[in-house]
All heavy atoms as atom14 arrays in JSON, in Angstrom:
{
  "sequence": "RTTIVVAHRLSTIIASDLILILHEGQIVERGRH",
  "atom14_mask": [
    [1, 1, 1, 1, 1, 1, 1, 1, 1, 1, 1, 0, 0, 0],
    [1, 1, 1, 1, 1, 1, 1, 0, 0, 0, 0, 0, 0, 0],
    [1, 1, 1, 1, 1, 1, 1, 0, 0, 0, 0, 0, 0, 0],
    [1, 1, 1, 1, 1, 1, 1, 1, 0, 0, 0, 0, 0, 0],
    [1, 1, 1, 1, 1, 1, 1, 0, 0, 0, 0, 0, 0, 0],
    [1, 1, 1, 1, 1, 1, 1, 0, 0, 0, 0, 0, 0, 0],
    [1, 1, 1, 1, 1, 0, 0, 0, 0, 0, 0, 0, 0, 0],
    [1, 1, 1, 1, 1, 1, 1, 1, 1, 1, 0, 0, 0, 0],
    [1, 1, 1, 1, 1, 1, 1, 1, 1, 1, 1, 0, 0, 0],
    [1, 1, 1, 1, 1, 1, 1, 1, 0, 0, 0, 0, 0, 0],
    [1, 1, 1, 1, 1, 1, 0, 0, 0, 0, 0, 0, 0, 0],
    [1, 1, 1, 1, 1, 1, 1, 0, 0, 0, 0, 0, 0, 0],
    [1, 1, 1, 1, 1, 1, 1, 1, 0, 0, 0, 0, 0, 0],
    [1, 1, 1, 1, 1, 1, 1, 1, 0, 0, 0, 0, 0, 0],
    [1, 1, 1, 1, 1, 0, 0, 0, 0, 0, 0, 0, 0, 0],
    [1, 1, 1, 1, 1, 1, 0, 0, 0, 0, 0, 0, 0, 0],
    [1, 1, 1, 1, 1, 1, 1, 1, 0, 0, 0, 0, 0, 0],
    [1, 1, 1, 1, 1, 1, 1, 1, 0, 0, 0, 0, 0, 0],
    [1, 1, 1, 1, 1, 1, 1, 1, 0, 0, 0, 0, 0, 0],
    [1, 1, 1, 1, 1, 1, 1, 1, 0, 0, 0, 0, 0, 0],
    [1, 1, 1, 1, 1, 1, 1, 1, 0, 0, 0, 0, 0, 0],
    [1, 1, 1, 1, 1, 1, 1, 1, 0, 0, 0, 0, 0, 0],
    [1, 1, 1, 1, 1, 1, 1, 1, 1, 1, 0, 0, 0, 0],
    [1, 1, 1, 1, 1, 1, 1, 1, 1, 0, 0, 0, 0, 0],
    [1, 1, 1, 1, 0, 0, 0, 0, 0, 0, 0, 0, 0, 0],
    [1, 1, 1, 1, 1, 1, 1, 1, 1, 0, 0, 0, 0, 0],
    [1, 1, 1, 1, 1, 1, 1, 1, 0, 0, 0, 0, 0, 0],
    [1, 1, 1, 1, 1, 1, 1, 0, 0, 0, 0, 0, 0, 0],
    [1, 1, 1, 1, 1, 1, 1, 1, 1, 0, 0, 0, 0, 0],
    [1, 1, 1, 1, 1, 1, 1, 1, 1, 1, 1, 0, 0, 0],
    [1, 1, 1, 1, 0, 0, 0, 0, 0, 0, 0, 0, 0, 0],
    [1, 1, 1, 1, 1, 1, 1, 1, 1, 1, 1, 0, 0, 0],
    [1, 1, 1, 1, 1, 1, 1, 1, 1, 1, 0, 0, 0, 0]
  ],
  "atom14_positions": [
    [[111.95, 61.02, 132.9], [111.73, 61.89, 131.75], [112.51, 63.19, 131.9], [112.71, 63.68, 133.01], [110.23, 62.22, 131.59], [109.37, 61.02, 131.24], [107.91, 61.43, 131.1], [107.09, 60.32, 130.61], [106.49, 59.44, 131.39], [106.62, 59.54, 132.7], [105.77, 58.46, 130.87], [0.0, 0.0, 0.0], [0.0, 0.0, 0.0], [0.0, 0.0, 0.0]],
    [[112.91, 63.73, 130.77], [113.57, 65.03, 130.76], [112.53, 66.09, 131.08], [111.48, 66.16, 130.46], [114.22, 65.31, 129.4], [115.11, 64.24, 129.09], [114.94, 66.62, 129.38], [0.0, 0.0, 0.0], [0.0, 0.0, 0.0], [0.0, 0.0, 0.0], [0.0, 0.0, 0.0], [0.0, 0.0, 0.0], [0.0, 0.0, 0.0], [0.0, 0.0, 0.0]],
    [[112.85, 66.95, 132.04], [111.87, 67.95, 132.5], [112.51, 69.31, 132.55], [113.63, 69.48, 133.09], [111.32, 67.6, 133.9], [110.83, 66.26, 133.89], [110.22, 68.55, 134.29], [0.0, 0.0, 0.0], [0.0, 0.0, 0.0], [0.0, 0.0, 0.0], [0.0, 0.0, 0.0], [0.0, 0.0, 0.0], [0.0, 0.0, 0.0], [0.0, 0.0, 0.0]],
    [[111.82, 70.3, 132.01], [112.23, 71.7, 132.11], [111.12, 72.45, 132.81], [109.96, 72.42, 132.37], [112.52, 72.32, 130.74], [113.63, 71.52, 130.02], [112.94, 73.78, 130.87], [113.97, 72.05, 128.65], [0.0, 0.0, 0.0], [0.0, 0.0, 0.0], [0.0, 0.0, 0.0], [0.0, 0.0, 0.0], [0.0, 0.0, 0.0], [0.0, 0.0, 0.0]],
    [[111.48, 73.11, 133.9], [110.47, 73.76, 134.74], [110.73, 75.26, 134.77], [111.85, 75.71, 134.99], [110.54, 73.23, 136.2], [109.45, 73.86, 137.04], [110.44, 71.72, 136.22], [0.0, 0.0, 0.0], [0.0, 0.0, 0.0], [0.0, 0.0, 0.0], [0.0, 0.0, 0.0], [0.0, 0.0, 0.0], [0.0, 0.0, 0.0], [0.0, 0.0, 0.0]],
    [[109.68, 76.03, 134.51], [109.72, 77.47, 134.75], [109.05, 77.7, 136.08], [107.89, 77.3, 136.27], [109.01, 78.25, 133.64], [108.84, 79.72, 134.03], [109.75, 78.13, 132.33], [0.0, 0.0, 0.0], [0.0, 0.0, 0.0], [0.0, 0.0, 0.0], [0.0, 0.0, 0.0], [0.0, 0.0, 0.0], [0.0, 0.0, 0.0], [0.0, 0.0, 0.0]],
    [[109.76, 78.3, 137.03], [109.24, 78.42, 138.38], [109.39, 79.83, 138.9], [110.39, 80.51, 138.66], [109.94, 77.44, 139.3], [0.0, 0.0, 0.0], [0.0, 0.0, 0.0], [0.0, 0.0, 0.0], [0.0, 0.0, 0.0], [0.0, 0.0, 0.0], [0.0, 0.0, 0.0], [0.0, 0.0, 0.0], [0.0, 0.0, 0.0], [0.0, 0.0, 0.0]],
    [[108.37, 80.25, 139.61], [108.44, 81.52, 140.35], [108.65, 81.23, 141.83], [109.42, 81.9, 142.5], [107.14, 82.31, 140.14], [107.05, 83.5, 141.04], [107.83, 84.63, 140.88], [106.25, 83.74, 142.12], [107.53, 85.52, 141.81], [106.59, 85.01, 142.58], [0.0, 0.0, 0.0], [0.0, 0.0, 0.0], [0.0, 0.0, 0.0], [0.0, 0.0, 0.0]],
    [[107.99, 80.18, 142.31], [108.13, 79.76, 143.71], [109.33, 78.84, 143.82], [109.29, 77.7, 143.36], [106.84, 79.08, 144.15], [106.67, 78.99, 145.65], [105.35, 78.34, 146.01], [104.21, 79.09, 145.49], [102.97, 78.66, 145.58], [102.7, 77.48, 146.12], [101.98, 79.39, 145.1], [0.0, 0.0, 0.0], [0.0, 0.0, 0.0], [0.0, 0.0, 0.0]],
    [[110.39, 79.35, 144.37], [111.66, 78.62, 144.37], [111.62, 77.35, 145.19], [112.4, 76.42, 144.96], [112.79, 79.52, 144.89], [113.01, 80.83, 144.08], [114.21, 81.59, 144.65], [113.24, 80.51, 142.61], [0.0, 0.0, 0.0], [0.0, 0.0, 0.0], [0.0, 0.0, 0.0], [0.0, 0.0, 0.0], [0.0, 0.0, 0.0], [0.0, 0.0, 0.0]],
    [[110.7, 77.28, 146.16], [110.63, 76.08, 146.99], [110.25, 74.84, 146.2], [110.47, 73.72, 146.64], [109.6, 76.28, 148.11], [108.31, 76.56, 147.56], [0.0, 0.0, 0.0], [0.0, 0.0, 0.0], [0.0, 0.0, 0.0], [0.0, 0.0, 0.0], [0.0, 0.0, 0.0], [0.0, 0.0, 0.0], [0.0, 0.0, 0.0], [0.0, 0.0, 0.0]],
    [[109.68, 75.03, 145.01], [109.25, 73.88, 144.2], [110.38, 73.29, 143.37], [110.2, 72.25, 142.74], [108.12, 74.31, 143.25], [108.61, 75.3, 142.33], [106.93, 74.88, 144.02], [0.0, 0.0, 0.0], [0.0, 0.0, 0.0], [0.0, 0.0, 0.0], [0.0, 0.0, 0.0], [0.0, 0.0, 0.0], [0.0, 0.0, 0.0], [0.0, 0.0, 0.0]],
    [[111.54, 73.93, 143.32], [112.6, 73.47, 142.41], [113.9, 73.18, 143.13], [114.95, 72.99, 142.49], [112.86, 74.51, 141.31], [113.21, 75.86, 141.95], [111.67, 74.65, 140.39], [114.02, 76.77, 141.08], [0.0, 0.0, 0.0], [0.0, 0.0, 0.0], [0.0, 0.0, 0.0], [0.0, 0.0, 0.0], [0.0, 0.0, 0.0], [0.0, 0.0, 0.0]],
    [[113.87, 73.12, 144.46], [115.14, 72.95, 145.18], [115.78, 71.59, 144.89], [116.99, 71.41, 145.05], [114.93, 73.12, 146.72], [113.86, 72.15, 147.21], [114.56, 74.54, 147.04], [113.63, 72.22, 148.73], [0.0, 0.0, 0.0], [0.0, 0.0, 0.0], [0.0, 0.0, 0.0], [0.0, 0.0, 0.0], [0.0, 0.0, 0.0], [0.0, 0.0, 0.0]],
    [[114.97, 70.61, 144.43], [115.53, 69.29, 144.13], [115.95, 69.15, 142.68], [116.34, 68.05, 142.25], [114.49, 68.21, 144.47], [0.0, 0.0, 0.0], [0.0, 0.0, 0.0], [0.0, 0.0, 0.0], [0.0, 0.0, 0.0], [0.0, 0.0, 0.0], [0.0, 0.0, 0.0], [0.0, 0.0, 0.0], [0.0, 0.0, 0.0], [0.0, 0.0, 0.0]],
    [[115.88, 70.21, 141.9], [116.24, 70.14, 140.48], [117.7, 69.8, 140.3], [118.57, 70.19, 141.1], [115.93, 71.47, 139.8], [114.55, 71.77, 139.89], [0.0, 0.0, 0.0], [0.0, 0.0, 0.0], [0.0, 0.0, 0.0], [0.0, 0.0, 0.0], [0.0, 0.0, 0.0], [0.0, 0.0, 0.0], [0.0, 0.0, 0.0], [0.0, 0.0, 0.0]],
    [[118.0, 69.1, 139.21], [119.4, 68.73, 138.91], [120.2, 69.96, 138.52], [121.42, 70.01, 138.72], [119.44, 67.71, 137.79], [118.71, 66.42, 138.16], [119.2, 65.73, 139.09], [117.66, 66.13, 137.58], [0.0, 0.0, 0.0], [0.0, 0.0, 0.0], [0.0, 0.0, 0.0], [0.0, 0.0, 0.0], [0.0, 0.0, 0.0], [0.0, 0.0, 0.0]],
    [[119.55, 70.93, 137.91], [120.24, 72.15, 137.48], [119.24, 73.3, 137.51], [118.1, 73.15, 137.07], [120.8, 71.97, 136.07], [121.51, 73.17, 135.44], [122.78, 73.52, 136.22], [121.84, 72.92, 133.98], [0.0, 0.0, 0.0], [0.0, 0.0, 0.0], [0.0, 0.0, 0.0], [0.0, 0.0, 0.0], [0.0, 0.0, 0.0], [0.0, 0.0, 0.0]],
    [[119.67, 74.43, 138.03], [118.84, 75.65, 138.06], [119.56, 76.72, 137.28], [120.75, 76.99, 137.53], [118.59, 76.12, 139.51], [117.88, 75.03, 140.32], [117.76, 77.41, 139.51], [117.71, 75.35, 141.79], [0.0, 0.0, 0.0], [0.0, 0.0, 0.0], [0.0, 0.0, 0.0], [0.0, 0.0, 0.0], [0.0, 0.0, 0.0], [0.0, 0.0, 0.0]],
    [[118.86, 77.31, 136.32], [119.43, 78.36, 135.48], [118.77, 79.69, 135.85], [117.54, 79.8, 135.86], [119.19, 78.07, 134.0], [119.69, 76.73, 133.47], [119.3, 76.55, 132.0], [121.21, 76.61, 133.64], [0.0, 0.0, 0.0], [0.0, 0.0, 0.0], [0.0, 0.0, 0.0], [0.0, 0.0, 0.0], [0.0, 0.0, 0.0], [0.0, 0.0, 0.0]],
    [[119.56, 80.69, 136.15], [119.05, 82.02, 136.49], [119.2, 82.91, 135.26], [120.32, 83.13, 134.77], [119.82, 82.62, 137.68], [120.01, 81.6, 138.79], [119.1, 83.87, 138.18], [118.73, 81.02, 139.31], [0.0, 0.0, 0.0], [0.0, 0.0, 0.0], [0.0, 0.0, 0.0], [0.0, 0.0, 0.0], [0.0, 0.0, 0.0], [0.0, 0.0, 0.0]],
    [[118.06, 83.41, 134.77], [118.09, 84.26, 133.6], [117.88, 85.71, 134.0], [117.06, 86.03, 134.88], [117.01, 83.87, 132.59], [117.3, 82.64, 131.73], [116.84, 81.37, 132.44], [116.65, 82.74, 130.37], [0.0, 0.0, 0.0], [0.0, 0.0, 0.0], [0.0, 0.0, 0.0], [0.0, 0.0, 0.0], [0.0, 0.0, 0.0], [0.0, 0.0, 0.0]],
    [[118.61, 86.59, 133.34], [118.46, 88.02, 133.57], [118.69, 88.74, 132.25], [119.75, 88.61, 131.63], [119.48, 88.51, 134.62], [119.38, 89.98, 134.9], [118.29, 90.53, 135.55], [120.22, 91.01, 134.61], [118.46, 91.84, 135.66], [119.63, 92.16, 135.1], [0.0, 0.0, 0.0], [0.0, 0.0, 0.0], [0.0, 0.0, 0.0], [0.0, 0.0, 0.0]],
    [[117.65, 89.43, 131.79], [117.69, 90.16, 130.52], [118.15, 89.27, 129.36], [118.98, 89.66, 128.54], [118.59, 91.4, 130.64], [118.06, 92.43, 131.62], [118.92, 93.67, 131.68], [120.02, 93.67, 131.06], [118.51, 94.64, 132.33], [0.0, 0.0, 0.0], [0.0, 0.0, 0.0], [0.0, 0.0, 0.0], [0.0, 0.0, 0.0], [0.0, 0.0, 0.0]],
    [[117.6, 88.05, 129.34], [117.85, 87.16, 128.21], [119.15, 86.39, 128.24], [119.49, 85.73, 127.27], [0.0, 0.0, 0.0], [0.0, 0.0, 0.0], [0.0, 0.0, 0.0], [0.0, 0.0, 0.0], [0.0, 0.0, 0.0], [0.0, 0.0, 0.0], [0.0, 0.0, 0.0], [0.0, 0.0, 0.0], [0.0, 0.0, 0.0], [0.0, 0.0, 0.0]],
    [[119.86, 86.45, 129.36], [121.13, 85.73, 129.45], [121.15, 84.89, 130.73], [120.51, 85.24, 131.73], [122.31, 86.71, 129.49], [122.49, 87.5, 128.21], [123.67, 88.45, 128.29], [123.8, 89.17, 129.27], [124.52, 88.45, 127.28], [0.0, 0.0, 0.0], [0.0, 0.0, 0.0], [0.0, 0.0, 0.0], [0.0, 0.0, 0.0], [0.0, 0.0, 0.0]],
    [[121.87, 83.77, 130.68], [122.04, 82.94, 131.86], [123.18, 83.52, 132.68], [124.34, 83.51, 132.26], [122.33, 81.48, 131.47], [121.17, 80.88, 130.67], [122.6, 80.64, 132.73], [121.41, 79.47, 130.18], [0.0, 0.0, 0.0], [0.0, 0.0, 0.0], [0.0, 0.0, 0.0], [0.0, 0.0, 0.0], [0.0, 0.0, 0.0], [0.0, 0.0, 0.0]],
    [[122.83, 84.04, 133.85], [123.86, 84.7, 134.67], [124.36, 83.8, 135.79], [125.45, 84.04, 136.33], [123.29, 86.02, 135.24], [123.02, 87.02, 134.12], [122.02, 85.78, 136.05], [0.0, 0.0, 0.0], [0.0, 0.0, 0.0], [0.0, 0.0, 0.0], [0.0, 0.0, 0.0], [0.0, 0.0, 0.0], [0.0, 0.0, 0.0], [0.0, 0.0, 0.0]],
    [[123.57, 82.79, 136.17], [124.0, 81.84, 137.19], [123.45, 80.47, 136.82], [122.39, 80.36, 136.23], [123.48, 82.24, 138.59], [124.02, 83.56, 139.1], [123.43, 83.93, 140.45], [122.78, 83.07, 141.07], [123.6, 85.08, 140.89], [0.0, 0.0, 0.0], [0.0, 0.0, 0.0], [0.0, 0.0, 0.0], [0.0, 0.0, 0.0], [0.0, 0.0, 0.0]],
    [[124.18, 79.44, 137.21], [123.71, 78.07, 137.01], [124.31, 77.16, 138.06], [125.45, 77.37, 138.51], [124.0, 77.57, 135.6], [125.47, 77.39, 135.27], [125.63, 76.82, 133.86], [125.32, 77.8, 132.82], [124.97, 77.48, 131.59], [124.83, 76.2, 131.24], [124.74, 78.43, 130.71], [0.0, 0.0, 0.0], [0.0, 0.0, 0.0], [0.0, 0.0, 0.0]],
    [[123.55, 76.15, 138.47], [124.03, 75.21, 139.48], [122.87, 74.61, 140.23], [121.69, 74.9, 139.94], [0.0, 0.0, 0.0], [0.0, 0.0, 0.0], [0.0, 0.0, 0.0], [0.0, 0.0, 0.0], [0.0, 0.0, 0.0], [0.0, 0.0, 0.0], [0.0, 0.0, 0.0], [0.0, 0.0, 0.0], [0.0, 0.0, 0.0], [0.0, 0.0, 0.0]],
    [[123.15, 73.79, 141.24], [122.12, 73.23, 142.08], [121.74, 74.26, 143.14], [122.38, 75.29, 143.31], [122.59, 71.92, 142.71], [122.86, 70.81, 141.68], [123.35, 69.55, 142.38], [122.32, 69.02, 143.28], [121.35, 68.19, 142.9], [121.27, 67.79, 141.62], [120.47, 67.76, 143.77], [0.0, 0.0, 0.0], [0.0, 0.0, 0.0], [0.0, 0.0, 0.0]],
    [[120.68, 73.94, 143.88], [120.14, 74.88, 144.86], [121.22, 75.3, 145.87], [121.44, 76.5, 146.11], [118.96, 74.22, 145.58], [118.4, 75.02, 146.71], [117.72, 76.19, 146.54], [118.46, 74.8, 148.08], [117.36, 76.67, 147.73], [117.8, 75.83, 148.67], [0.0, 0.0, 0.0], [0.0, 0.0, 0.0], [0.0, 0.0, 0.0], [0.0, 0.0, 0.0]]
  ]
}
């Protein structure tokens, strides 16, 4: 299933296919862990 995760604890998302870093409403970084 397609999954979108909002996470504060980064250890829970290290296996994600893509991680998006948001800052002030913009994506400033993207990639795998």
